[in-house]
Amino acid sequence: MGSIVGSAVAFGLNITSLALIAATGYTLGASISYVLAWLLGESYVKNKIGEEMFQRYAKIWNKYGYKLSALFSFIPGFPIDLLAFVCGCLRTKAKFFIPICWLALLIQFCYVD
């Protein structure tokens, strides 16, 4: 996605407007993965790794998840959809996930070469 924004900037379009639109669109797309993982992912993961292991991971994620979400979101090229899946499965609150995702993507898109 960054290369598309970079190409559009090369044609003279405003980087700020493009970054806002791209970050919003990408966040909406990641939100679909988040919602699907919220609705369907927990039972699937519990079947694969077991209830006890899932609860252990959920406990750790609930303690450090917001910091980890922010950290991973700001890594350029990190698959935000994977982060959305993890956050959805482990029931991260959307009021934290969506702003972190959007802000990280906005910053990444603003600094496209």
Protein backbone atom coordinates (compact mmCIF):
# COMPACT_ATOMS: atom_id res chain seq x y z
CA MET A 1 0.00 0.00 0.00
CA GLY A 2 2.85 2.37 0.73
CA SER A 3 4.10 2.14 -2.84
CA ILE A 4 0.70 3.21 -4.16
CA VAL A 5 0.73 6.25 -1.88
CA GLY A 6 4.33 6.96 -2.90
CA SER A 7 3.41 6.75 -6.58
CA ALA A 8 0.46 9.09 -6.10
CA VAL A 9 2.74 11.61 -4.34
CA ALA A 10 5.16 11.40 -7.26
CA PHE A 11 2.30 12.57 -9.50
CA GLY A 12 1.89 15.66 -7.32
CA LEU A 13 -0.99 14.69 -5.06
CA ASN A 14 -1.01 15.96 -1.46
CA ILE A 15 0.72 13.48 0.89
CA THR A 16 -1.40 14.46 3.90
CA SER A 17 -4.70 13.82 2.14
CA LEU A 18 -3.45 10.58 0.67
CA ALA A 19 -2.12 9.40 4.04
CA LEU A 20 -5.44 10.16 5.76
CA ILE A 21 -7.43 8.32 3.11
CA ALA A 22 -5.04 5.36 2.94
CA ALA A 23 -4.82 4.98 6.73
CA THR A 24 -8.60 5.13 7.06
CA GLY A 25 -9.18 2.61 4.29
CA TYR A 26 -6.53 0.20 5.53
CA THR A 27 -7.89 0.45 9.08
CA LEU A 28 -11.40 -0.33 7.85
CA GLY A 29 -10.04 -3.37 6.04
CA ALA A 30 -8.14 -4.52 9.12
CA SER A 31 -11.30 -4.01 11.16
CA ILE A 32 -13.03 -6.66 9.07
CA SER A 33 -10.32 -9.15 10.06
CA TYR A 34 -10.64 -7.97 13.65
CA VAL A 35 -14.42 -8.51 13.74
CA LEU A 36 -14.21 -11.92 12.07
CA ALA A 37 -11.54 -13.03 14.53
CA TRP A 38 -13.65 -11.66 17.41
CA LEU A 39 -16.69 -13.64 16.26
CA LEU A 40 -15.08 -16.84 14.98
CA GLY A 41 -11.42 -16.91 15.95
CA GLU A 42 -11.60 -17.61 19.67
CA SER A 43 -13.38 -20.96 19.31
CA TYR A 44 -11.10 -21.97 16.43
CA VAL A 45 -7.93 -21.17 18.34
CA LYS A 46 -9.24 -22.88 21.49
CA ASN A 47 -9.86 -26.03 19.46
CA LYS A 48 -6.32 -25.93 18.09
CA ILE A 49 -4.30 -25.10 21.22
CA GLY A 50 -6.66 -25.96 24.07
CA GLU A 51 -8.58 -23.94 26.62
CA GLU A 52 -5.78 -23.75 29.19
CA MET A 53 -3.14 -22.53 26.74
CA PHE A 54 -5.59 -20.01 25.27
CA GLN A 55 -6.35 -18.60 28.71
CA ARG A 56 -2.63 -18.29 29.43
CA TYR A 57 -2.06 -16.35 26.21
CA ALA A 58 -5.15 -14.20 26.81
CA LYS A 59 -3.93 -13.31 30.30
CA ILE A 60 -0.53 -12.22 28.98
CA TRP A 61 -2.11 -10.31 26.09
CA ASN A 62 -4.54 -8.52 28.41
CA LYS A 63 -1.60 -7.37 30.49
CA TYR A 64 0.77 -6.29 27.68
CA GLY A 65 -1.40 -6.35 24.55
CA TYR A 66 -1.92 -2.63 24.09
CA LYS A 67 1.78 -1.92 24.31
CA LEU A 68 2.56 -4.81 21.97
CA SER A 69 -0.11 -3.66 19.52
CA ALA A 70 1.39 -0.19 19.42
CA LEU A 71 4.92 -1.58 19.07
CA PHE A 72 4.06 -3.97 16.26
CA SER A 73 1.88 -1.41 14.46
CA PHE A 74 4.77 1.00 14.09
CA ILE A 75 7.04 -1.58 12.42
CA PRO A 76 7.00 -0.70 8.71
CA GLY A 77 5.73 -3.59 6.64
CA PHE A 78 4.31 -5.50 9.62
CA PRO A 79 1.11 -7.26 8.55
CA ILE A 80 -1.60 -5.28 10.31
CA ASP A 81 -4.13 -7.96 9.36
CA LEU A 82 -2.21 -10.47 11.46
CA LEU A 83 -2.28 -8.05 14.38
CA ALA A 84 -6.02 -7.56 13.81
CA PHE A 85 -6.53 -11.32 13.94
CA VAL A 86 -4.61 -11.64 17.21
CA CYS A 87 -6.38 -8.66 18.77
CA GLY A 88 -9.78 -9.99 17.69
CA CYS A 89 -9.15 -13.51 18.97
CA LEU A 90 -7.89 -12.28 22.31
CA ARG A 91 -10.73 -9.75 22.62
CA THR A 92 -8.70 -6.54 22.62
CA LYS A 93 -11.10 -3.63 22.97
CA ALA A 94 -11.81 -1.93 19.65
CA LYS A 95 -11.53 1.49 21.27
CA PHE A 96 -7.82 0.75 21.72
CA PHE A 97 -7.07 -1.35 18.65
CA ILE A 98 -8.59 0.94 16.00
CA PRO A 99 -6.88 4.19 17.06
CA ILE A 100 -3.52 2.44 17.46
CA CYS A 101 -3.85 0.86 14.03
CA TRP A 102 -5.01 4.07 12.34
CA LEU A 103 -2.33 6.28 13.90
CA ALA A 104 0.46 3.85 13.08
CA LEU A 105 -0.68 3.57 9.47
CA LEU A 106 -1.08 7.33 9.16
CA ILE A 107 2.48 7.88 10.34
CA GLN A 108 3.81 5.18 8.02
CA PHE A 109 1.97 6.62 5.01
CA CYS A 110 3.16 10.16 5.77
CA TYR A 111 6.78 9.04 5.54
CA VAL A 112 6.54 7.18 2.23
CA ASP A 113 9.51 7.74 -0.04
